Amino acid sequence: MRIKKVFNNNVILAHDEKFVEKVLLGRGLAFGKKEGDEVDQDKVDKIFTLESKELVDSFVHLVGEIPINHLELTNSIVKEAEKELEITFNDSIYIGLTDHINYALHRHRQGELMRNAFLWEIKKFYPREFKVALKALDTIYYYEKVRLTEDEASFIALHFVNGQNLDSTLDMKANSENAVILDILNIIKFHFNIEIEEDSINYSRFVTHVRYFLQRIHGQVRYDSEDDNQLFLQVKTKYAKTYQCILKIDAYFTSKMNVSMTSEEQLYFILHINRLTMRENQIRSDHGL
């Protein structure tokens, strides 16, 4: 590979023999180097192979806009998270997570603290990712001497959830999960007689929630929380139509996987489905449908 652009001593833009652009990270990688020089492969710590030119352009733009040490900080956080969670992230996580950390540090120094309305939910449903995100706050403090809040940890945890890489060895599992998600979405569509906006943030959250639920039922101990029982009873009464949809989904899980949802899991499905159908139901109401 040859150097196309030097950002600093540790970060460069390079291209391979097929002129595919990649962002390379490594301590002292670009020291004494210039455009056109051969890359010292022994000094390469990380190669960002982004799947489209648009992502490469976004990454290059990001690197030009932020302190370069924030990219190195993100690299440390991602490597630790991959080790702790025993997964591989898609390289695109570096764009979103680096940008978030940079902005979070800026907001903190300006005294602008951001609350995450889903902090409790993230802690409950993504405990492993949240635990690793708390360690990421320690890493940020070590490098930047800034102590970010649990709310920021919950945002970082979502980057860990959404940035997981489905490589070729997981294709069969991914296809199976996608089929289940499609079946559940169809149950919801037919139950409420609506179309679902697939570009919405609530759709993305719902799909992520279902994926994590599928991971839980295959690999983790599941239990009901007594603290949530009273809330579940209130919610299923208040949202009776949504609860009837939940019963259909639960019957689907029982039939397909021989698994039944706990009341805690039903509670969170109700909340997610309410958000997912909120916009469509409002539109129908406004038109008297």
C-alpha atoms as a PDB file:
ATOM      1  CA  MET A   1       0.000   0.000   0.000  1.00  0.00           C
ATOM      2  CA  ARG A   2       1.054   3.580  -0.654  1.00  0.00           C
ATOM      3  CA  ILE A   3       0.319   6.769   1.247  1.00  0.00           C
ATOM      4  CA  LYS A   4      -2.275   9.087  -0.299  1.00  0.00           C
ATOM      5  CA  LYS A   5      -2.587  11.597   2.551  1.00  0.00           C
ATOM      6  CA  VAL A   6      -0.916  12.128   5.934  1.00  0.00           C
ATOM      7  CA  PHE A   7      -3.192  13.348   8.756  1.00  0.00           C
ATOM      8  CA  ASN A   8      -0.556  13.154  11.491  1.00  0.00           C
ATOM      9  CA  ASN A   9       2.274  10.860  12.564  1.00  0.00           C
ATOM     10  CA  ASN A  10      -0.198   8.116  13.495  1.00  0.00           C
ATOM     11  CA  VAL A  11      -3.013   8.306  10.915  1.00  0.00           C
ATOM     12  CA  ILE A  12      -2.856   8.171   7.116  1.00  0.00           C
ATOM     13  CA  LEU A  13      -5.066   7.607   4.091  1.00  0.00           C
ATOM     14  CA  ALA A  14      -3.603   4.951   1.806  1.00  0.00           C
ATOM     15  CA  HIS A  15      -4.565   2.860  -1.213  1.00  0.00           C
ATOM     16  CA  ASP A  16      -3.738  -0.722  -2.089  1.00  0.00           C
ATOM     17  CA  GLU A  17      -2.600  -2.136  -5.428  1.00  0.00           C
ATOM     18  CA  LYS A  18      -6.203  -1.952  -6.683  1.00  0.00           C
ATOM     19  CA  PHE A  19      -6.403   1.705  -5.564  1.00  0.00           C
ATOM     20  CA  VAL A  20      -8.957   0.880  -2.860  1.00  0.00           C
ATOM     21  CA  GLU A  21      -8.727   3.602  -0.217  1.00  0.00           C
ATOM     22  CA  LYS A  22      -8.187   2.662   3.419  1.00  0.00           C
ATOM     23  CA  VAL A  23      -7.536   4.642   6.592  1.00  0.00           C
ATOM     24  CA  LEU A  24      -4.570   3.281   8.564  1.00  0.00           C
ATOM     25  CA  LEU A  25      -3.747   3.827  12.226  1.00  0.00           C
ATOM     26  CA  GLY A  26      -0.436   3.069  13.924  1.00  0.00           C
ATOM     27  CA  ARG A  27       2.009   4.793  16.245  1.00  0.00           C
ATOM     28  CA  GLY A  28       4.682   6.561  14.224  1.00  0.00           C
ATOM     29  CA  LEU A  29       3.211   5.156  11.015  1.00  0.00           C
ATOM     30  CA  ALA A  30       3.655   8.398   9.050  1.00  0.00           C
ATOM     31  CA  PHE A  31       6.759   9.769  10.767  1.00  0.00           C
ATOM     32  CA  GLY A  32       9.115  11.071   8.071  1.00  0.00           C
ATOM     33  CA  LYS A  33       6.736   9.889   5.346  1.00  0.00           C
ATOM     34  CA  LYS A  34       5.046  11.750   2.497  1.00  0.00           C
ATOM     35  CA  GLU A  35       2.441  11.147  -0.205  1.00  0.00           C
ATOM     36  CA  GLY A  36       3.419   8.293  -2.506  1.00  0.00           C
ATOM     37  CA  ASP A  37       5.695   6.522  -0.011  1.00  0.00           C
ATOM     38  CA  GLU A  38       5.254   2.837   0.740  1.00  0.00           C
ATOM     39  CA  VAL A  39       3.368   2.050   3.959  1.00  0.00           C
ATOM     40  CA  ASP A  40       5.444   0.416   6.691  1.00  0.00           C
ATOM     41  CA  GLN A  41       3.194  -2.590   7.352  1.00  0.00           C
ATOM     42  CA  ASP A  42       4.955  -3.430  10.622  1.00  0.00           C
ATOM     43  CA  LYS A  43       3.682  -0.183  12.145  1.00  0.00           C
ATOM     44  CA  VAL A  44       0.035  -0.630  11.109  1.00  0.00           C
ATOM     45  CA  ASP A  45      -2.163  -1.171  14.155  1.00  0.00           C
ATOM     46  CA  LYS A  46      -5.578  -0.851  12.494  1.00  0.00           C
ATOM     47  CA  ILE A  47      -6.848  -0.812   8.914  1.00  0.00           C
ATOM     48  CA  PHE A  48     -10.247   0.780   8.367  1.00  0.00           C
ATOM     49  CA  THR A  49     -11.672  -0.975   5.323  1.00  0.00           C
ATOM     50  CA  LEU A  50     -14.933   0.861   4.798  1.00  0.00           C
ATOM     51  CA  GLU A  51     -17.371  -0.760   2.402  1.00  0.00           C
ATOM     52  CA  SER A  52     -18.161   2.273   0.269  1.00  0.00           C
ATOM     53  CA  LYS A  53     -16.480   5.406  -1.038  1.00  0.00           C
ATOM     54  CA  GLU A  54     -19.100   7.460   0.807  1.00  0.00           C
ATOM     55  CA  LEU A  55     -18.010   5.972   4.149  1.00  0.00           C
ATOM     56  CA  VAL A  56     -14.343   6.555   3.306  1.00  0.00           C
ATOM     57  CA  ASP A  57     -15.152  10.171   2.415  1.00  0.00           C
ATOM     58  CA  SER A  58     -17.107  10.550   5.674  1.00  0.00           C
ATOM     59  CA  PHE A  59     -14.200   9.147   7.642  1.00  0.00           C
ATOM     60  CA  VAL A  60     -11.674  11.409   5.915  1.00  0.00           C
ATOM     61  CA  HIS A  61     -13.923  14.415   6.559  1.00  0.00           C
ATOM     62  CA  LEU A  62     -14.314  13.408  10.211  1.00  0.00           C
ATOM     63  CA  VAL A  63     -10.563  13.038  10.673  1.00  0.00           C
ATOM     64  CA  GLY A  64     -10.136  16.538   9.256  1.00  0.00           C
ATOM     65  CA  GLU A  65     -12.670  17.998  11.700  1.00  0.00           C
ATOM     66  CA  ILE A  66     -11.763  16.425  15.055  1.00  0.00           C
ATOM     67  CA  PRO A  67      -8.668  16.197  17.248  1.00  0.00           C
ATOM     68  CA  ILE A  68      -6.866  13.154  15.880  1.00  0.00           C
ATOM     69  CA  ASN A  69      -6.294  11.781  19.383  1.00  0.00           C
ATOM     70  CA  HIS A  70     -10.062  11.231  19.629  1.00  0.00           C
ATOM     71  CA  LEU A  71      -9.786   8.674  16.828  1.00  0.00           C
ATOM     72  CA  GLU A  72      -6.953   6.963  18.694  1.00  0.00           C
ATOM     73  CA  LEU A  73      -9.082   7.062  21.859  1.00  0.00           C
ATOM     74  CA  THR A  74     -11.987   5.442  20.008  1.00  0.00           C
ATOM     75  CA  ASN A  75      -9.648   2.765  18.655  1.00  0.00           C
ATOM     76  CA  SER A  76      -8.622   1.869  22.224  1.00  0.00           C
ATOM     77  CA  ILE A  77     -12.254   1.724  23.343  1.00  0.00           C
ATOM     78  CA  VAL A  78     -13.346  -0.436  20.404  1.00  0.00           C
ATOM     79  CA  LYS A  79     -10.460  -2.903  20.809  1.00  0.00           C
ATOM     80  CA  GLU A  80     -11.272  -3.314  24.516  1.00  0.00           C
ATOM     81  CA  ALA A  81     -14.994  -3.700  23.768  1.00  0.00           C
ATOM     82  CA  GLU A  82     -14.339  -6.380  21.140  1.00  0.00           C
ATOM     83  CA  LYS A  83     -12.229  -8.274  23.660  1.00  0.00           C
ATOM     84  CA  GLU A  84     -14.778  -7.967  26.476  1.00  0.00           C
ATOM     85  CA  LEU A  85     -17.841  -8.756  24.351  1.00  0.00           C
ATOM     86  CA  GLU A  86     -16.067 -11.382  22.231  1.00  0.00           C
ATOM     87  CA  ILE A  87     -17.415  -9.892  19.010  1.00  0.00           C
ATOM     88  CA  THR A  88     -16.163  -8.001  15.965  1.00  0.00           C
ATOM     89  CA  PHE A  89     -17.506  -4.561  15.101  1.00  0.00           C
ATOM     90  CA  ASN A  90     -18.084  -3.209  11.641  1.00  0.00           C
ATOM     91  CA  ASP A  91     -15.474  -0.583  10.822  1.00  0.00           C
ATOM     92  CA  SER A  92     -18.226   2.014  10.357  1.00  0.00           C
ATOM     93  CA  ILE A  93     -18.554   2.116  14.161  1.00  0.00           C
ATOM     94  CA  TYR A  94     -15.439   4.280  14.193  1.00  0.00           C
ATOM     95  CA  ILE A  95     -17.255   7.058  12.347  1.00  0.00           C
ATOM     96  CA  GLY A  96     -20.279   7.242  14.632  1.00  0.00           C
ATOM     97  CA  LEU A  97     -18.483   6.521  17.905  1.00  0.00           C
ATOM     98  CA  THR A  98     -15.570   8.897  17.272  1.00  0.00           C
ATOM     99  CA  ASP A  99     -17.972  11.666  16.308  1.00  0.00           C
ATOM    100  CA  HIS A 100     -20.099  10.988  19.404  1.00  0.00           C
ATOM    101  CA  ILE A 101     -17.153  10.979  21.808  1.00  0.00           C
ATOM    102  CA  ASN A 102     -15.769  14.171  20.286  1.00  0.00           C
ATOM    103  CA  TYR A 103     -19.149  15.909  20.582  1.00  0.00           C
ATOM    104  CA  ALA A 104     -19.767  14.535  24.099  1.00  0.00           C
ATOM    105  CA  LEU A 105     -16.461  15.951  25.293  1.00  0.00           C
ATOM    106  CA  HIS A 106     -17.255  19.286  23.672  1.00  0.00           C
ATOM    107  CA  ARG A 107     -20.712  19.403  25.307  1.00  0.00           C
ATOM    108  CA  HIS A 108     -19.296  18.461  28.701  1.00  0.00           C
ATOM    109  CA  ARG A 109     -16.711  21.248  28.564  1.00  0.00           C
ATOM    110  CA  GLN A 110     -19.486  23.676  27.621  1.00  0.00           C
ATOM    111  CA  GLY A 111     -21.561  22.500  30.581  1.00  0.00           C
ATOM    112  CA  GLU A 112     -24.234  21.017  28.310  1.00  0.00           C
ATOM    113  CA  LEU A 113     -25.233  17.622  29.699  1.00  0.00           C
ATOM    114  CA  MET A 114     -27.451  15.395  27.567  1.00  0.00           C
ATOM    115  CA  ARG A 115     -29.925  12.998  29.171  1.00  0.00           C
ATOM    116  CA  ASN A 116     -30.859   9.682  27.568  1.00  0.00           C
ATOM    117  CA  ALA A 117     -34.546   8.948  28.087  1.00  0.00           C
ATOM    118  CA  PHE A 118     -33.821   5.242  27.543  1.00  0.00           C
ATOM    119  CA  LEU A 119     -31.024   4.931  30.105  1.00  0.00           C
ATOM    120  CA  TRP A 120     -32.982   2.517  32.317  1.00  0.00           C
ATOM    121  CA  GLU A 121     -34.058   0.430  29.324  1.00  0.00           C
ATOM    122  CA  ILE A 122     -30.525   0.173  27.953  1.00  0.00           C
ATOM    123  CA  LYS A 123     -29.141  -0.874  31.346  1.00  0.00           C
ATOM    124  CA  LYS A 124     -31.803  -3.575  31.615  1.00  0.00           C
ATOM    125  CA  PHE A 125     -31.679  -4.994  28.096  1.00  0.00           C
ATOM    126  CA  TYR A 126     -28.037  -4.453  27.141  1.00  0.00           C
ATOM    127  CA  PRO A 127     -26.234  -5.093  30.454  1.00  0.00           C
ATOM    128  CA  ARG A 128     -23.001  -6.434  28.912  1.00  0.00           C
ATOM    129  CA  GLU A 129     -22.689  -3.564  26.438  1.00  0.00           C
ATOM    130  CA  PHE A 130     -23.505  -1.044  29.171  1.00  0.00           C
ATOM    131  CA  LYS A 131     -20.891  -2.532  31.517  1.00  0.00           C
ATOM    132  CA  VAL A 132     -18.246  -2.224  28.788  1.00  0.00           C
ATOM    133  CA  ALA A 133     -19.428   1.330  28.048  1.00  0.00           C
ATOM    134  CA  LEU A 134     -18.808   2.239  31.694  1.00  0.00           C
ATOM    135  CA  LYS A 135     -15.231   1.006  31.231  1.00  0.00           C
ATOM    136  CA  ALA A 136     -15.067   3.218  28.139  1.00  0.00           C
ATOM    137  CA  LEU A 137     -15.844   6.200  30.398  1.00  0.00           C
ATOM    138  CA  ASP A 138     -12.768   5.261  32.458  1.00  0.00           C
ATOM    139  CA  THR A 139     -10.684   5.165  29.271  1.00  0.00           C
ATOM    140  CA  ILE A 140     -12.009   8.581  28.232  1.00  0.00           C
ATOM    141  CA  TYR A 141     -11.159   9.967  31.678  1.00  0.00           C
ATOM    142  CA  TYR A 142      -7.635   8.518  31.470  1.00  0.00           C
ATOM    143  CA  TYR A 143      -6.975  10.236  28.137  1.00  0.00           C
ATOM    144  CA  GLU A 144      -9.028  13.427  28.498  1.00  0.00           C
ATOM    145  CA  LYS A 145      -9.413  13.939  32.278  1.00  0.00           C
ATOM    146  CA  VAL A 146     -13.153  14.356  31.726  1.00  0.00           C
ATOM    147  CA  ARG A 147     -15.659  12.210  33.642  1.00  0.00           C
ATOM    148  CA  LEU A 148     -18.723  11.645  31.455  1.00  0.00           C
ATOM    149  CA  THR A 149     -22.074  10.515  32.885  1.00  0.00           C
ATOM    150  CA  GLU A 150     -23.977   7.220  32.792  1.00  0.00           C
ATOM    151  CA  ASP A 151     -26.207   8.790  30.158  1.00  0.00           C
ATOM    152  CA  GLU A 152     -23.198   9.034  27.855  1.00  0.00           C
ATOM    153  CA  ALA A 153     -22.326   5.429  28.690  1.00  0.00           C
ATOM    154  CA  SER A 154     -25.794   4.396  27.501  1.00  0.00           C
ATOM    155  CA  PHE A 155     -25.239   6.183  24.180  1.00  0.00           C
ATOM    156  CA  ILE A 156     -21.886   4.404  23.795  1.00  0.00           C
ATOM    157  CA  ALA A 157     -23.554   1.073  24.636  1.00  0.00           C
ATOM    158  CA  LEU A 158     -25.961   1.590  21.725  1.00  0.00           C
ATOM    159  CA  HIS A 159     -22.982   2.101  19.405  1.00  0.00           C
ATOM    160  CA  PHE A 160     -21.720  -1.285  20.617  1.00  0.00           C
ATOM    161  CA  VAL A 161     -25.125  -2.886  19.982  1.00  0.00           C
ATOM    162  CA  ASN A 162     -25.627  -1.398  16.513  1.00  0.00           C
ATOM    163  CA  GLY A 163     -22.006  -1.750  15.386  1.00  0.00           C
ATOM    164  CA  GLN A 164     -21.728  -5.522  15.603  1.00  0.00           C
ATOM    165  CA  ASN A 165     -20.321  -7.083  12.464  1.00  0.00           C
ATOM    166  CA  LEU A 166     -22.079  -9.988  10.794  1.00  0.00           C
ATOM    167  CA  ASP A 167     -19.270 -11.709   8.876  1.00  0.00           C
ATOM    168  CA  SER A 168     -19.547 -14.698   6.562  1.00  0.00           C
ATOM    169  CA  THR A 169     -19.377 -17.207   9.433  1.00  0.00           C
ATOM    170  CA  LEU A 170     -22.563 -15.691  10.853  1.00  0.00           C
ATOM    171  CA  ASP A 171     -24.535 -15.438   7.602  1.00  0.00           C
ATOM    172  CA  MET A 172     -26.792 -18.398   8.416  1.00  0.00           C
ATOM    173  CA  LYS A 173     -27.581 -17.018  11.867  1.00  0.00           C
ATOM    174  CA  ALA A 174     -28.145 -13.535  10.430  1.00  0.00           C
ATOM    175  CA  ASN A 175     -30.526 -14.835   7.761  1.00  0.00           C
ATOM    176  CA  SER A 176     -32.459 -16.783  10.403  1.00  0.00           C
ATOM    177  CA  GLU A 177     -32.737 -13.685  12.605  1.00  0.00           C
ATOM    178  CA  ASN A 178     -33.837 -11.557   9.650  1.00  0.00           C
ATOM    179  CA  ALA A 179     -36.580 -14.065   8.831  1.00  0.00           C
ATOM    180  CA  VAL A 180     -37.861 -13.955  12.423  1.00  0.00           C
ATOM    181  CA  ILE A 181     -37.810 -10.139  12.453  1.00  0.00           C
ATOM    182  CA  LEU A 182     -39.736 -10.041   9.173  1.00  0.00           C
ATOM    183  CA  ASP A 183     -42.341 -12.461  10.579  1.00  0.00           C
ATOM    184  CA  ILE A 184     -42.790 -10.341  13.713  1.00  0.00           C
ATOM    185  CA  LEU A 185     -43.124  -7.141  11.694  1.00  0.00           C
ATOM    186  CA  ASN A 186     -45.781  -8.809   9.561  1.00  0.00           C
ATOM    187  CA  ILE A 187     -47.689  -9.848  12.698  1.00  0.00           C
ATOM    188  CA  ILE A 188     -47.637  -6.210  13.840  1.00  0.00           C
ATOM    189  CA  LYS A 189     -48.671  -4.882  10.417  1.00  0.00           C
ATOM    190  CA  PHE A 190     -51.640  -7.232  10.143  1.00  0.00           C
ATOM    191  CA  HIS A 191     -52.700  -6.789  13.778  1.00  0.00           C
ATOM    192  CA  PHE A 192     -52.834  -2.990  13.525  1.00  0.00           C
ATOM    193  CA  ASN A 193     -53.624  -2.914   9.779  1.00  0.00           C
ATOM    194  CA  ILE A 194     -50.831  -0.420   9.124  1.00  0.00           C
ATOM    195  CA  GLU A 195     -47.639   0.024   7.145  1.00  0.00           C
ATOM    196  CA  ILE A 196     -44.474   0.683   9.157  1.00  0.00           C
ATOM    197  CA  GLU A 197     -42.020   3.451   8.309  1.00  0.00           C
ATOM    198  CA  GLU A 198     -38.732   1.543   7.947  1.00  0.00           C
ATOM    199  CA  ASP A 199     -36.595   4.695   7.925  1.00  0.00           C
ATOM    200  CA  SER A 200     -37.719   5.787  11.388  1.00  0.00           C
ATOM    201  CA  ILE A 201     -35.551   5.664  14.491  1.00  0.00           C
ATOM    202  CA  ASN A 202     -38.263   3.663  16.261  1.00  0.00           C
ATOM    203  CA  TYR A 203     -38.086   0.987  13.548  1.00  0.00           C
ATOM    204  CA  SER A 204     -34.304   0.781  13.991  1.00  0.00           C
ATOM    205  CA  ARG A 205     -34.695   0.535  17.778  1.00  0.00           C
ATOM    206  CA  PHE A 206     -37.316  -2.179  17.457  1.00  0.00           C
ATOM    207  CA  VAL A 207     -35.203  -4.303  15.103  1.00  0.00           C
ATOM    208  CA  THR A 208     -32.205  -3.926  17.429  1.00  0.00           C
ATOM    209  CA  HIS A 209     -34.392  -4.928  20.386  1.00  0.00           C
ATOM    210  CA  VAL A 210     -35.626  -8.074  18.620  1.00  0.00           C
ATOM    211  CA  ARG A 211     -32.072  -9.047  17.642  1.00  0.00           C
ATOM    212  CA  TYR A 212     -30.927  -8.720  21.212  1.00  0.00           C
ATOM    213  CA  PHE A 213     -33.948 -10.680  22.448  1.00  0.00           C
ATOM    214  CA  LEU A 214     -33.014 -13.525  20.077  1.00  0.00           C
ATOM    215  CA  GLN A 215     -29.454 -13.475  21.441  1.00  0.00           C
ATOM    216  CA  ARG A 216     -30.791 -13.579  25.009  1.00  0.00           C
ATOM    217  CA  ILE A 217     -33.027 -16.590  24.505  1.00  0.00           C
ATOM    218  CA  HIS A 218     -30.174 -18.572  22.969  1.00  0.00           C
ATOM    219  CA  GLY A 219     -27.378 -17.659  25.325  1.00  0.00           C
ATOM    220  CA  GLN A 220     -28.389 -16.040  28.609  1.00  0.00           C
ATOM    221  CA  VAL A 221     -30.375 -16.804  31.752  1.00  0.00           C
ATOM    222  CA  ARG A 222     -33.802 -15.180  31.569  1.00  0.00           C
ATOM    223  CA  TYR A 223     -35.924 -14.265  34.543  1.00  0.00           C
ATOM    224  CA  ASP A 224     -38.828 -12.099  35.624  1.00  0.00           C
ATOM    225  CA  SER A 225     -38.122  -9.049  37.742  1.00  0.00           C
ATOM    226  CA  GLU A 226     -40.600  -8.605  40.586  1.00  0.00           C
ATOM    227  CA  ASP A 227     -40.015  -4.857  40.387  1.00  0.00           C
ATOM    228  CA  ASP A 228     -41.502  -4.846  36.880  1.00  0.00           C
ATOM    229  CA  ASN A 229     -44.566  -7.020  37.558  1.00  0.00           C
ATOM    230  CA  GLN A 230     -46.791  -4.179  38.754  1.00  0.00           C
ATOM    231  CA  LEU A 231     -45.696  -1.974  35.878  1.00  0.00           C
ATOM    232  CA  PHE A 232     -46.395  -4.811  33.427  1.00  0.00           C
ATOM    233  CA  LEU A 233     -49.928  -5.228  34.774  1.00  0.00           C
ATOM    234  CA  GLN A 234     -50.579  -1.494  34.392  1.00  0.00           C
ATOM    235  CA  VAL A 235     -49.101  -1.317  30.894  1.00  0.00           C
ATOM    236  CA  LYS A 236     -50.898  -4.373  29.501  1.00  0.00           C
ATOM    237  CA  THR A 237     -54.211  -2.958  30.796  1.00  0.00           C
ATOM    238  CA  LYS A 238     -53.576   0.514  29.404  1.00  0.00           C
ATOM    239  CA  TYR A 239     -52.416  -0.804  26.014  1.00  0.00           C
ATOM    240  CA  ALA A 240     -54.791  -3.718  25.653  1.00  0.00           C
ATOM    241  CA  LYS A 241     -54.666  -3.827  21.850  1.00  0.00           C
ATOM    242  CA  THR A 242     -50.870  -3.895  21.879  1.00  0.00           C
ATOM    243  CA  TYR A 243     -50.950  -6.646  24.485  1.00  0.00           C
ATOM    244  CA  GLN A 244     -53.158  -8.729  22.192  1.00  0.00           C
ATOM    245  CA  CYS A 245     -50.468  -8.284  19.536  1.00  0.00           C
ATOM    246  CA  ILE A 246     -47.873  -9.433  22.068  1.00  0.00           C
ATOM    247  CA  LEU A 247     -49.851 -12.622  22.665  1.00  0.00           C
ATOM    248  CA  LYS A 248     -49.691 -13.350  18.918  1.00  0.00           C
ATOM    249  CA  ILE A 249     -45.933 -12.750  18.882  1.00  0.00           C
ATOM    250  CA  ASP A 250     -45.492 -14.925  21.954  1.00  0.00           C
ATOM    251  CA  ALA A 251     -47.483 -17.703  20.262  1.00  0.00           C
ATOM    252  CA  TYR A 252     -45.174 -17.348  17.263  1.00  0.00           C
ATOM    253  CA  PHE A 253     -42.077 -17.745  19.467  1.00  0.00           C
ATOM    254  CA  THR A 254     -43.637 -20.759  21.183  1.00  0.00           C
ATOM    255  CA  SER A 255     -44.471 -22.416  17.878  1.00  0.00           C
ATOM    256  CA  LYS A 256     -41.209 -21.622  16.091  1.00  0.00           C
ATOM    257  CA  MET A 257     -38.646 -21.810  18.913  1.00  0.00           C
ATOM    258  CA  ASN A 258     -40.440 -23.450  21.826  1.00  0.00           C
ATOM    259  CA  VAL A 259     -39.779 -20.273  23.832  1.00  0.00           C
ATOM    260  CA  SER A 260     -42.258 -18.076  25.663  1.00  0.00           C
ATOM    261  CA  MET A 261     -41.599 -14.469  26.622  1.00  0.00           C
ATOM    262  CA  THR A 262     -41.341 -13.528  30.287  1.00  0.00           C
ATOM    263  CA  SER A 263     -43.607 -10.749  31.536  1.00  0.00           C
ATOM    264  CA  GLU A 264     -40.576  -8.433  31.626  1.00  0.00           C
ATOM    265  CA  GLU A 265     -39.841  -9.166  27.977  1.00  0.00           C
ATOM    266  CA  GLN A 266     -43.499  -8.686  27.079  1.00  0.00           C
ATOM    267  CA  LEU A 267     -43.382  -5.315  28.843  1.00  0.00           C
ATOM    268  CA  TYR A 268     -40.528  -4.093  26.689  1.00  0.00           C
ATOM    269  CA  PHE A 269     -42.092  -5.434  23.505  1.00  0.00           C
ATOM    270  CA  ILE A 270     -45.245  -3.475  24.360  1.00  0.00           C
ATOM    271  CA  LEU A 271     -43.233  -0.267  24.822  1.00  0.00           C
ATOM    272  CA  HIS A 272     -41.298  -0.775  21.576  1.00  0.00           C
ATOM    273  CA  ILE A 273     -44.386  -1.657  19.540  1.00  0.00           C
ATOM    274  CA  ASN A 274     -46.220   1.389  20.897  1.00  0.00           C
ATOM    275  CA  ARG A 275     -43.389   3.614  19.665  1.00  0.00           C
ATOM    276  CA  LEU A 276     -43.176   1.722  16.387  1.00  0.00           C
ATOM    277  CA  THR A 277     -46.905   2.165  15.633  1.00  0.00           C
ATOM    278  CA  MET A 278     -47.371   5.610  17.179  1.00  0.00           C
ATOM    279  CA  ARG A 279     -46.831   7.644  13.999  1.00  0.00           C
ATOM    280  CA  GLU A 280     -48.956   5.396  11.789  1.00  0.00           C
ATOM    281  CA  ASN A 281     -51.805   5.252  14.304  1.00  0.00           C
ATOM    282  CA  GLN A 282     -51.742   9.058  14.622  1.00  0.00           C
ATOM    283  CA  ILE A 283     -51.987   9.459  10.856  1.00  0.00           C
ATOM    284  CA  ARG A 284     -54.978   7.113  10.718  1.00  0.00           C
ATOM    285  CA  SER A 285     -56.629   8.977  13.609  1.00  0.00           C
ATOM    286  CA  ASP A 286     -56.097  12.364  11.942  1.00  0.00           C
ATOM    287  CA  HIS A 287     -57.812  11.050   8.812  1.00  0.00           C
ATOM    288  CA  GLY A 288     -60.668   9.387  10.709  1.00  0.00           C
ATOM    289  CA  LEU A 289     -59.592   5.902   9.660  1.00  0.00           C
END
